[in-house]
Amino acid sequence: MQWPTRRSNKDRSDATRAALIAAGRELFVSRGYAETGTPELVAEAGVTRGALYHHFADKRALFRAVVEAESAAVAHEIESAARPGLAPLKALSKGGAAFLEAMQVPGRTQLLLIDAAAVLGREELDAIDARHGGRTLREGLAAAMQTGALPKLPLAPTSQLLGAAYDRAALAIAGGADSGEWRKLIDTVLAGLAAPALSQQ
């Protein structure tokens, strides 16, 4: 007979935290941050109020964890698409397409591109992005510049400019725009950036 394995305290703690993040994601998307209260959060997660405050200082801290988790999920999709071995410009194109696809998960565009800035502020949101989606874009651009696929451009401003274009595309697609048209447009921008480097080869 096989006895059930007892979960460790860490396993239980991790499960509680994950349940709170999942509940937060569900309610922040369906009701909005302002209309979501802690009683609804703990009821949705199936935990006590004490468990909520053990893991998160307040509702804002839980919201931040939700944004961090969603941002990490998007970055994972980008990195899976822009796999090692691809030519740098192809990797940028594949990664960009993966970003736009990942942002079509219901509620994600509203959460990451609209609500997060309002709740957390631009500086804190930029710091989260720098660890996830923004990081993947900077790394892709840096690789393209190092191999000569792109000319040597200021990395931070170039990353910010393209990141803003991708965000605007995600918002447009969420509003019903053709995702294929936006992907082609951004690929055209990348090709334009690459043109000076190609002319020197």
C-alpha atoms as a PDB file:
ATOM      1  CA  MET A   1       0.000   0.000   0.000  1.00  0.00           C
ATOM      2  CA  GLN A   2       1.321   3.426  -0.933  1.00  0.00           C
ATOM      3  CA  TRP A   3       0.773   6.078   1.694  1.00  0.00           C
ATOM      4  CA  PRO A   4       0.003   9.612   0.531  1.00  0.00           C
ATOM      5  CA  THR A   5       3.015  11.892   0.622  1.00  0.00           C
ATOM      6  CA  ARG A   6       2.747  14.750   3.073  1.00  0.00           C
ATOM      7  CA  ARG A   7       3.447  18.122   1.566  1.00  0.00           C
ATOM      8  CA  SER A   8       6.196  20.168   3.157  1.00  0.00           C
ATOM      9  CA  ASN A   9       5.520  23.577   4.664  1.00  0.00           C
ATOM     10  CA  LYS A  10       7.241  25.132   1.656  1.00  0.00           C
ATOM     11  CA  ASP A  11       5.001  23.218  -0.752  1.00  0.00           C
ATOM     12  CA  ARG A  12       1.903  24.400   1.107  1.00  0.00           C
ATOM     13  CA  SER A  13       3.206  27.954   1.220  1.00  0.00           C
ATOM     14  CA  ASP A  14       4.003  27.916  -2.505  1.00  0.00           C
ATOM     15  CA  ALA A  15       0.551  26.502  -3.283  1.00  0.00           C
ATOM     16  CA  THR A  16      -1.141  29.220  -1.222  1.00  0.00           C
ATOM     17  CA  ARG A  17       0.858  31.949  -2.927  1.00  0.00           C
ATOM     18  CA  ALA A  18       0.059  30.513  -6.357  1.00  0.00           C
ATOM     19  CA  ALA A  19      -3.650  30.340  -5.474  1.00  0.00           C
ATOM     20  CA  LEU A  20      -3.625  33.988  -4.419  1.00  0.00           C
ATOM     21  CA  ILE A  21      -1.878  35.070  -7.621  1.00  0.00           C
ATOM     22  CA  ALA A  22      -4.340  33.069  -9.730  1.00  0.00           C
ATOM     23  CA  ALA A  23      -7.283  34.558  -7.829  1.00  0.00           C
ATOM     24  CA  GLY A  24      -5.827  38.034  -8.173  1.00  0.00           C
ATOM     25  CA  ARG A  25      -5.353  37.566 -11.892  1.00  0.00           C
ATOM     26  CA  GLU A  26      -8.951  36.423 -12.315  1.00  0.00           C
ATOM     27  CA  LEU A  27     -10.506  39.223 -10.273  1.00  0.00           C
ATOM     28  CA  PHE A  28      -8.244  42.086 -11.355  1.00  0.00           C
ATOM     29  CA  VAL A  29      -9.088  41.259 -14.972  1.00  0.00           C
ATOM     30  CA  SER A  30     -12.812  40.642 -14.525  1.00  0.00           C
ATOM     31  CA  ARG A  31     -13.588  43.391 -11.990  1.00  0.00           C
ATOM     32  CA  GLY A  32     -10.666  45.779 -12.181  1.00  0.00           C
ATOM     33  CA  TYR A  33      -8.194  46.678  -9.449  1.00  0.00           C
ATOM     34  CA  ALA A  34     -10.316  49.307  -7.702  1.00  0.00           C
ATOM     35  CA  GLU A  35     -13.413  47.099  -7.561  1.00  0.00           C
ATOM     36  CA  THR A  36     -11.588  44.076  -6.159  1.00  0.00           C
ATOM     37  CA  GLY A  37     -11.454  43.817  -2.371  1.00  0.00           C
ATOM     38  CA  THR A  38      -9.492  41.526  -0.098  1.00  0.00           C
ATOM     39  CA  PRO A  39     -12.615  39.561   0.970  1.00  0.00           C
ATOM     40  CA  GLU A  40     -13.232  38.621  -2.665  1.00  0.00           C
ATOM     41  CA  LEU A  41      -9.572  37.732  -3.169  1.00  0.00           C
ATOM     42  CA  VAL A  42      -9.346  35.332  -0.232  1.00  0.00           C
ATOM     43  CA  ALA A  43     -12.712  33.776  -1.107  1.00  0.00           C
ATOM     44  CA  GLU A  44     -11.628  33.201  -4.715  1.00  0.00           C
ATOM     45  CA  ALA A  45      -8.302  31.728  -3.588  1.00  0.00           C
ATOM     46  CA  GLY A  46      -9.898  29.604  -0.872  1.00  0.00           C
ATOM     47  CA  VAL A  47      -7.530  30.874   1.816  1.00  0.00           C
ATOM     48  CA  THR A  48      -7.763  32.994   4.952  1.00  0.00           C
ATOM     49  CA  ARG A  49      -7.140  36.718   5.201  1.00  0.00           C
ATOM     50  CA  GLY A  50      -4.149  35.885   7.386  1.00  0.00           C
ATOM     51  CA  ALA A  51      -2.684  33.800   4.560  1.00  0.00           C
ATOM     52  CA  LEU A  52      -3.074  36.741   2.186  1.00  0.00           C
ATOM     53  CA  TYR A  53      -1.176  39.090   4.478  1.00  0.00           C
ATOM     54  CA  HIS A  54       1.446  36.461   5.221  1.00  0.00           C
ATOM     55  CA  HIS A  55       2.429  36.461   1.551  1.00  0.00           C
ATOM     56  CA  PHE A  56       1.598  40.015   0.484  1.00  0.00           C
ATOM     57  CA  ALA A  57       1.732  43.287   2.376  1.00  0.00           C
ATOM     58  CA  ASP A  58      -1.460  44.548   0.753  1.00  0.00           C
ATOM     59  CA  LYS A  59      -3.637  44.320  -2.357  1.00  0.00           C
ATOM     60  CA  ARG A  60      -1.154  46.373  -4.358  1.00  0.00           C
ATOM     61  CA  ALA A  61       1.634  43.907  -3.565  1.00  0.00           C
ATOM     62  CA  LEU A  62      -0.543  41.055  -4.819  1.00  0.00           C
ATOM     63  CA  PHE A  63      -1.316  43.014  -7.979  1.00  0.00           C
ATOM     64  CA  ARG A  64       2.405  43.534  -8.497  1.00  0.00           C
ATOM     65  CA  ALA A  65       2.997  39.780  -8.170  1.00  0.00           C
ATOM     66  CA  VAL A  66       0.289  39.139 -10.770  1.00  0.00           C
ATOM     67  CA  VAL A  67       1.943  41.590 -13.170  1.00  0.00           C
ATOM     68  CA  GLU A  68       5.338  39.988 -12.545  1.00  0.00           C
ATOM     69  CA  ALA A  69       3.935  36.509 -13.235  1.00  0.00           C
ATOM     70  CA  GLU A  70       2.188  37.628 -16.429  1.00  0.00           C
ATOM     71  CA  SER A  71       5.321  39.424 -17.625  1.00  0.00           C
ATOM     72  CA  ALA A  72       7.407  36.319 -16.969  1.00  0.00           C
ATOM     73  CA  ALA A  73       4.932  34.200 -18.949  1.00  0.00           C
ATOM     74  CA  VAL A  74       5.202  36.561 -21.924  1.00  0.00           C
ATOM     75  CA  ALA A  75       9.011  36.517 -21.764  1.00  0.00           C
ATOM     76  CA  HIS A  76       8.957  32.712 -21.710  1.00  0.00           C
ATOM     77  CA  GLU A  77       6.928  32.647 -24.935  1.00  0.00           C
ATOM     78  CA  ILE A  78       9.331  35.096 -26.576  1.00  0.00           C
ATOM     79  CA  GLU A  79      12.391  33.069 -25.583  1.00  0.00           C
ATOM     80  CA  SER A  80      10.776  29.831 -26.756  1.00  0.00           C
ATOM     81  CA  ALA A  81      10.150  31.349 -30.201  1.00  0.00           C
ATOM     82  CA  ALA A  82      13.503  33.142 -30.566  1.00  0.00           C
ATOM     83  CA  ARG A  83      15.422  29.937 -29.990  1.00  0.00           C
ATOM     84  CA  PRO A  84      19.225  29.704 -30.182  1.00  0.00           C
ATOM     85  CA  GLY A  85      20.580  29.157 -33.671  1.00  0.00           C
ATOM     86  CA  LEU A  86      18.235  31.514 -35.479  1.00  0.00           C
ATOM     87  CA  ALA A  87      19.739  34.398 -37.426  1.00  0.00           C
ATOM     88  CA  PRO A  88      19.544  37.542 -35.249  1.00  0.00           C
ATOM     89  CA  LEU A  89      16.946  39.374 -37.347  1.00  0.00           C
ATOM     90  CA  LYS A  90      14.868  36.200 -37.664  1.00  0.00           C
ATOM     91  CA  ALA A  91      15.039  35.758 -33.899  1.00  0.00           C
ATOM     92  CA  LEU A  92      13.837  39.333 -33.394  1.00  0.00           C
ATOM     93  CA  SER A  93      10.973  38.780 -35.820  1.00  0.00           C
ATOM     94  CA  LYS A  94       9.978  35.459 -34.232  1.00  0.00           C
ATOM     95  CA  GLY A  95      10.248  36.918 -30.749  1.00  0.00           C
ATOM     96  CA  GLY A  96       8.126  39.906 -31.707  1.00  0.00           C
ATOM     97  CA  ALA A  97       5.448  37.686 -33.218  1.00  0.00           C
ATOM     98  CA  ALA A  98       5.478  35.559 -30.057  1.00  0.00           C
ATOM     99  CA  PHE A  99       5.021  38.690 -27.939  1.00  0.00           C
ATOM    100  CA  LEU A 100       1.979  39.752 -29.940  1.00  0.00           C
ATOM    101  CA  GLU A 101       0.543  36.234 -29.730  1.00  0.00           C
ATOM    102  CA  ALA A 102       1.174  36.000 -25.983  1.00  0.00           C
ATOM    103  CA  MET A 103      -0.507  39.347 -25.413  1.00  0.00           C
ATOM    104  CA  GLN A 104      -3.721  37.996 -26.948  1.00  0.00           C
ATOM    105  CA  VAL A 105      -4.377  35.883 -23.843  1.00  0.00           C
ATOM    106  CA  PRO A 106      -7.676  37.327 -22.548  1.00  0.00           C
ATOM    107  CA  GLY A 107      -7.151  40.191 -20.127  1.00  0.00           C
ATOM    108  CA  ARG A 108      -3.375  40.351 -20.519  1.00  0.00           C
ATOM    109  CA  THR A 109      -3.180  43.526 -22.606  1.00  0.00           C
ATOM    110  CA  GLN A 110      -5.501  45.378 -20.233  1.00  0.00           C
ATOM    111  CA  LEU A 111      -3.565  44.126 -17.225  1.00  0.00           C
ATOM    112  CA  LEU A 112      -0.010  44.775 -18.433  1.00  0.00           C
ATOM    113  CA  LEU A 113      -0.385  47.768 -20.737  1.00  0.00           C
ATOM    114  CA  ILE A 114      -3.156  49.781 -19.085  1.00  0.00           C
ATOM    115  CA  ASP A 115      -3.905  48.844 -15.480  1.00  0.00           C
ATOM    116  CA  ALA A 116      -0.336  48.121 -14.361  1.00  0.00           C
ATOM    117  CA  ALA A 117       0.912  51.619 -15.155  1.00  0.00           C
ATOM    118  CA  ALA A 118      -2.054  53.174 -13.346  1.00  0.00           C
ATOM    119  CA  VAL A 119      -1.650  51.051 -10.211  1.00  0.00           C
ATOM    120  CA  LEU A 120       2.125  50.637  -9.959  1.00  0.00           C
ATOM    121  CA  GLY A 121       3.415  53.723 -11.750  1.00  0.00           C
ATOM    122  CA  ARG A 122       5.654  53.900 -14.779  1.00  0.00           C
ATOM    123  CA  GLU A 123       8.948  53.500 -12.917  1.00  0.00           C
ATOM    124  CA  GLU A 124       7.966  50.290 -11.146  1.00  0.00           C
ATOM    125  CA  LEU A 125       6.388  48.842 -14.275  1.00  0.00           C
ATOM    126  CA  ASP A 126       9.515  49.620 -16.302  1.00  0.00           C
ATOM    127  CA  ALA A 127      11.607  47.785 -13.702  1.00  0.00           C
ATOM    128  CA  ILE A 128       9.411  44.690 -14.079  1.00  0.00           C
ATOM    129  CA  ASP A 129       9.583  44.902 -17.867  1.00  0.00           C
ATOM    130  CA  ALA A 130      13.374  45.219 -17.703  1.00  0.00           C
ATOM    131  CA  ARG A 131      13.503  41.761 -16.101  1.00  0.00           C
ATOM    132  CA  HIS A 132      11.195  40.133 -18.635  1.00  0.00           C
ATOM    133  CA  GLY A 133       9.933  41.289 -22.047  1.00  0.00           C
ATOM    134  CA  GLY A 134      12.161  44.342 -22.193  1.00  0.00           C
ATOM    135  CA  ARG A 135      15.164  42.190 -21.357  1.00  0.00           C
ATOM    136  CA  THR A 136      14.463  39.778 -24.212  1.00  0.00           C
ATOM    137  CA  LEU A 137      14.195  42.673 -26.670  1.00  0.00           C
ATOM    138  CA  ARG A 138      17.433  44.281 -25.464  1.00  0.00           C
ATOM    139  CA  GLU A 139      19.249  40.954 -25.697  1.00  0.00           C
ATOM    140  CA  GLY A 140      17.926  40.338 -29.207  1.00  0.00           C
ATOM    141  CA  LEU A 141      18.933  43.789 -30.396  1.00  0.00           C
ATOM    142  CA  ALA A 142      22.359  43.496 -28.779  1.00  0.00           C
ATOM    143  CA  ALA A 143      22.962  40.152 -30.506  1.00  0.00           C
ATOM    144  CA  ALA A 144      21.933  41.619 -33.862  1.00  0.00           C
ATOM    145  CA  MET A 145      24.277  44.576 -33.403  1.00  0.00           C
ATOM    146  CA  GLN A 146      27.175  42.393 -32.293  1.00  0.00           C
ATOM    147  CA  THR A 147      26.893  40.183 -35.374  1.00  0.00           C
ATOM    148  CA  GLY A 148      26.503  43.129 -37.747  1.00  0.00           C
ATOM    149  CA  ALA A 149      22.894  42.312 -38.656  1.00  0.00           C
ATOM    150  CA  LEU A 150      21.972  45.741 -37.291  1.00  0.00           C
ATOM    151  CA  PRO A 151      24.143  48.856 -37.226  1.00  0.00           C
ATOM    152  CA  LYS A 152      25.558  49.966 -33.886  1.00  0.00           C
ATOM    153  CA  LEU A 153      22.723  52.013 -32.421  1.00  0.00           C
ATOM    154  CA  PRO A 154      22.173  53.264 -28.859  1.00  0.00           C
ATOM    155  CA  LEU A 155      20.774  50.105 -27.290  1.00  0.00           C
ATOM    156  CA  ALA A 156      18.489  51.533 -24.600  1.00  0.00           C
ATOM    157  CA  PRO A 157      16.659  54.085 -26.800  1.00  0.00           C
ATOM    158  CA  THR A 158      16.344  51.587 -29.658  1.00  0.00           C
ATOM    159  CA  SER A 159      14.884  49.000 -27.295  1.00  0.00           C
ATOM    160  CA  GLN A 160      12.465  51.529 -25.811  1.00  0.00           C
ATOM    161  CA  LEU A 161      11.334  52.694 -29.248  1.00  0.00           C
ATOM    162  CA  LEU A 162      10.690  49.183 -30.557  1.00  0.00           C
ATOM    163  CA  GLY A 163       9.133  48.137 -27.249  1.00  0.00           C
ATOM    164  CA  ALA A 164       6.665  51.009 -27.534  1.00  0.00           C
ATOM    165  CA  ALA A 165       5.833  49.899 -31.079  1.00  0.00           C
ATOM    166  CA  TYR A 166       5.160  46.344 -29.927  1.00  0.00           C
ATOM    167  CA  ASP A 167       2.986  47.588 -27.053  1.00  0.00           C
ATOM    168  CA  ARG A 168       0.994  49.806 -29.410  1.00  0.00           C
ATOM    169  CA  ALA A 169       0.537  46.874 -31.768  1.00  0.00           C
ATOM    170  CA  ALA A 170      -0.699  44.672 -28.911  1.00  0.00           C
ATOM    171  CA  LEU A 171      -3.242  47.313 -27.906  1.00  0.00           C
ATOM    172  CA  ALA A 172      -4.442  47.684 -31.491  1.00  0.00           C
ATOM    173  CA  ILE A 173      -4.796  43.918 -31.922  1.00  0.00           C
ATOM    174  CA  ALA A 174      -6.712  43.687 -28.642  1.00  0.00           C
ATOM    175  CA  GLY A 175      -9.051  46.295 -30.114  1.00  0.00           C
ATOM    176  CA  GLY A 176      -9.700  44.169 -33.194  1.00  0.00           C
ATOM    177  CA  ALA A 177      -6.904  45.170 -35.593  1.00  0.00           C
ATOM    178  CA  ASP A 178      -5.333  42.620 -37.947  1.00  0.00           C
ATOM    179  CA  SER A 179      -2.361  41.058 -36.146  1.00  0.00           C
ATOM    180  CA  GLY A 180      -0.744  40.062 -39.441  1.00  0.00           C
ATOM    181  CA  GLU A 181      -0.640  43.655 -40.636  1.00  0.00           C
ATOM    182  CA  TRP A 182       1.018  44.812 -37.440  1.00  0.00           C
ATOM    183  CA  ARG A 183       3.605  42.021 -37.575  1.00  0.00           C
ATOM    184  CA  LYS A 184       4.471  42.932 -41.169  1.00  0.00           C
ATOM    185  CA  LEU A 185       4.749  46.600 -40.242  1.00  0.00           C
ATOM    186  CA  ILE A 186       7.152  45.952 -37.364  1.00  0.00           C
ATOM    187  CA  ASP A 187       9.201  43.564 -39.521  1.00  0.00           C
ATOM    188  CA  THR A 188       9.432  46.379 -42.087  1.00  0.00           C
ATOM    189  CA  VAL A 189      10.747  48.695 -39.372  1.00  0.00           C
ATOM    190  CA  LEU A 190      13.360  46.082 -38.406  1.00  0.00           C
ATOM    191  CA  ALA A 191      14.355  45.693 -42.052  1.00  0.00           C
ATOM    192  CA  GLY A 192      14.742  49.456 -42.304  1.00  0.00           C
ATOM    193  CA  LEU A 193      16.998  49.498 -39.257  1.00  0.00           C
ATOM    194  CA  ALA A 194      19.055  46.693 -40.792  1.00  0.00           C
ATOM    195  CA  ALA A 195      19.445  48.383 -44.195  1.00  0.00           C
ATOM    196  CA  PRO A 196      22.596  50.416 -43.338  1.00  0.00           C
ATOM    197  CA  ALA A 197      24.315  47.300 -42.001  1.00  0.00           C
ATOM    198  CA  LEU A 198      23.382  45.286 -45.100  1.00  0.00           C
ATOM    199  CA  SER A 199      24.687  47.993 -47.437  1.00  0.00           C
ATOM    200  CA  GLN A 200      28.125  47.746 -45.804  1.00  0.00           C
ATOM    201  CA  GLN A 201      28.412  43.971 -46.232  1.00  0.00           C
END
